[in-house]
Protein backbone atom coordinates (compact mmCIF):
# COMPACT_ATOMS: atom_id res chain seq x y z
CA MET A 1 6.64 2.38 4.20
CA ALA A 2 9.54 2.27 7.68
CA THR A 3 12.60 2.05 6.07
CA THR A 4 14.27 1.57 9.23
CA ILE A 5 17.12 -1.19 8.77
CA HIS A 6 16.52 -3.57 12.44
CA PRO A 7 20.13 -5.26 12.40
CA GLY A 8 19.46 -9.01 14.13
CA ARG A 9 16.96 -11.28 14.09
CA TYR A 10 13.17 -10.28 14.88
CA THR A 11 10.03 -11.46 14.84
CA ALA A 12 6.41 -10.79 15.05
CA GLU A 13 3.81 -10.92 18.05
CA ILE A 14 0.26 -10.44 17.58
CA GLU A 15 -2.31 -11.02 21.14
CA GLY A 16 -5.45 -12.96 19.93
CA ASP A 17 -7.20 -14.16 17.48
CA PHE A 18 -6.05 -12.19 13.67
CA VAL A 19 -6.85 -12.90 10.13
CA VAL A 20 -4.67 -12.89 7.15
CA PHE A 21 -6.55 -11.83 4.10
CA LEU A 22 -5.39 -11.91 0.12
CA ILE A 23 -6.69 -10.48 -2.66
CA GLY A 24 -4.94 -9.61 -5.83
CA MET A 25 -6.15 -9.34 -9.82
CA ARG A 26 -4.84 -10.55 -12.75
CA LEU A 27 -4.74 -8.60 -15.38
CA ASN A 28 -5.51 -10.96 -18.65
CA ARG A 29 -6.27 -8.14 -20.93
CA PRO A 30 -3.43 -6.15 -19.77
CA TRP A 31 -4.09 -3.08 -22.81
CA LYS A 32 -8.06 -3.18 -21.64
CA LEU A 33 -6.98 0.06 -19.28
CA HIS A 34 -9.86 1.24 -18.68
CA HIS A 35 -11.57 -2.31 -17.31
CA TRP A 36 -8.80 -2.88 -14.52
CA TRP A 37 -7.39 0.53 -13.92
CA PRO A 38 -10.44 1.21 -11.86
CA VAL A 39 -10.44 -1.90 -9.52
CA LEU A 40 -7.06 -0.92 -8.74
CA LEU A 41 -7.44 2.54 -8.34
CA GLY A 42 -10.40 1.30 -6.41
CA MET A 43 -8.29 -1.29 -3.53
CA GLN A 44 -6.23 2.07 -3.11
CA ARG A 45 -8.93 4.15 -2.22
CA MET A 46 -10.19 1.50 0.56
CA LEU A 47 -6.96 0.81 1.96
CA ALA A 48 -6.75 4.85 2.61
CA GLU A 49 -9.94 3.87 3.83
CA LEU A 50 -9.37 1.71 6.34
CA ALA A 51 -6.18 3.49 7.59
CA ALA A 52 -8.31 5.82 8.21
CA HIS A 53 -10.81 4.25 10.40
CA PRO A 54 -8.51 1.80 12.11
CA GLU A 55 -11.54 0.94 14.77
CA ARG A 56 -12.04 -1.41 11.20
CA GLY A 57 -10.91 -3.36 12.10
CA LEU A 58 -7.27 -3.51 9.60
CA LEU A 59 -3.88 -3.79 11.34
CA GLY A 60 -1.87 -3.16 7.91
CA ALA A 61 -1.57 -4.33 5.02
CA HIS A 62 1.55 -4.31 2.10
CA SER A 63 1.14 -4.27 -1.91
CA GLY A 64 3.10 -5.84 -4.59
CA LEU A 65 3.07 -8.18 -7.63
CA LEU A 66 1.38 -12.28 -7.83
CA ASN A 67 0.23 -13.86 -10.27
CA GLY A 68 0.03 -11.77 -13.07
CA GLY A 69 -1.03 -8.94 -11.39
CA PRO A 70 -1.57 -6.75 -8.46
CA ALA A 71 -1.75 -8.15 -4.91
CA VAL A 72 -2.41 -7.05 -0.84
CA VAL A 73 -1.38 -9.05 1.87
CA GLN A 74 -3.92 -7.68 4.59
CA TYR A 75 -4.15 -8.09 8.22
CA TRP A 76 -7.00 -8.24 9.81
CA ARG A 77 -8.03 -8.31 14.02
CA SER A 78 -11.52 -10.33 12.81
CA PHE A 79 -13.39 -11.55 10.54
CA GLU A 80 -16.11 -10.25 11.53
CA HIS A 81 -14.15 -6.88 10.65
CA LEU A 82 -13.23 -8.10 7.12
CA GLU A 83 -17.11 -9.14 6.59
CA ARG A 84 -18.45 -5.87 8.16
CA PHE A 85 -16.40 -3.65 6.06
CA ALA A 86 -16.79 -5.96 2.60
CA ARG A 87 -20.64 -5.73 3.19
CA ASP A 88 -21.23 -2.41 4.39
CA PRO A 89 -22.55 -0.81 1.51
CA GLY A 90 -21.64 3.23 3.04
CA ASN A 91 -17.71 1.45 3.03
CA LEU A 92 -16.11 2.06 -0.52
CA HIS A 93 -16.01 -1.96 -1.43
CA LEU A 94 -19.26 -3.21 -2.08
CA PRO A 95 -20.27 -0.09 -4.44
CA ALA A 96 -16.94 -1.44 -6.33
CA TRP A 97 -18.24 -4.53 -6.24
CA ARG A 98 -20.91 -4.49 -7.54
CA TRP A 99 -19.25 -1.86 -10.27
CA PHE A 100 -17.22 -4.93 -11.04
CA ASN A 101 -19.87 -7.40 -11.55
CA ARG A 102 -21.70 -5.79 -14.08
CA ALA A 103 -18.90 -3.99 -16.13
CA VAL A 104 -16.27 -6.61 -16.17
CA LYS A 105 -16.52 -9.79 -15.15
CA ALA A 106 -18.09 -11.26 -17.17
CA SER A 107 -16.07 -10.40 -20.27
CA GLY A 108 -12.22 -12.13 -19.15
CA ASP A 109 -9.91 -9.28 -19.60
CA VAL A 110 -9.55 -8.89 -15.45
CA GLY A 111 -9.27 -11.82 -13.16
CA ILE A 112 -10.18 -11.17 -9.28
CA TRP A 113 -9.15 -14.03 -6.25
CA HIS A 114 -9.03 -13.80 -2.38
CA GLU A 115 -8.10 -16.03 0.08
CA THR A 116 -8.72 -15.63 3.29
CA TYR A 117 -6.63 -17.50 6.58
CA LEU A 118 -8.04 -17.09 10.29
CA VAL A 119 -4.98 -17.48 12.67
CA PRO A 120 -5.82 -18.76 15.98
CA ALA A 121 -3.83 -17.35 19.11
CA GLY A 122 -0.40 -18.09 18.88
CA GLY A 123 -0.40 -19.97 15.68
CA TYR A 124 2.45 -18.36 13.12
CA GLU A 125 5.86 -17.51 12.90
CA ALA A 126 7.26 -15.11 11.05
CA ILE A 127 11.29 -14.59 11.12
CA TYR A 128 12.59 -10.79 10.16
CA GLY A 129 17.02 -11.03 10.02
CA GLY A 130 18.13 -7.40 9.25
CA MET A 131 15.13 -6.16 8.11
CA PRO A 132 12.59 -2.98 7.86
CA ARG A 133 9.24 -3.30 9.55
CA ILE A 134 7.14 -6.01 7.24
CA GLY A 135 4.28 -7.55 6.92
CA LEU A 136 2.94 -8.90 10.65
CA ALA A 137 5.67 -7.68 12.76
CA ALA A 138 4.64 -4.46 11.32
CA ALA A 139 0.72 -5.05 12.01
CA GLY A 140 0.91 -5.82 15.58
CA GLY A 141 4.41 -6.13 17.16
CA HIS A 142 8.10 -6.26 16.62
CA VAL A 143 9.99 -7.75 19.30
CA PRO A 144 13.53 -9.97 19.42
CA ILE A 145 13.67 -13.15 18.39
CA ALA A 146 13.61 -14.53 21.90
CA ARG A 147 11.00 -13.75 23.23
CA ARG A 148 8.91 -16.15 21.57
CA GLY A 149 11.48 -19.06 20.75
CA GLU A 150 14.96 -19.74 19.53
CA THR A 151 13.21 -21.90 16.09
CA ALA A 152 10.20 -21.99 14.24
CA ALA A 153 8.50 -24.99 16.24
CA GLU A 154 8.74 -23.21 19.37
CA ARG A 155 7.34 -19.93 17.78
CA VAL A 156 4.14 -21.96 17.28
CA GLY A 157 4.24 -23.91 20.34
CA ARG A 158 5.14 -27.06 18.90
């Protein structure tokens, strides 16, 4: 992760439509390591696989903790890229998903969730003040705020 602090105010800039995909798990029974640890490692392996193959459409990802467990914010070039990755048996996701459904899902030990947002071109707003490149600015462009507008309304074209 970049640690260069950029003084001043910046915003993100990305060309065209894109997708924001949030995914995470909740450790309902954290002591059941044998159920949640493989899920966590699987997500790390999937992100590494995607980083090694940018043509698959992942623009960037950031991990953290949310709602009782690890979560990842992902930025994708398109919904088609995301769905292709999720459904292709040659990628890591589908075998991991099948394992989870067989081995863990019914136990309730681990909860999983995801949300998908289709963002039309220009339909986003972001501001970063005195920050390294993170989020959409790391997945796309990181530009001085004046380039897209001084207010949130200007940056979303309102």
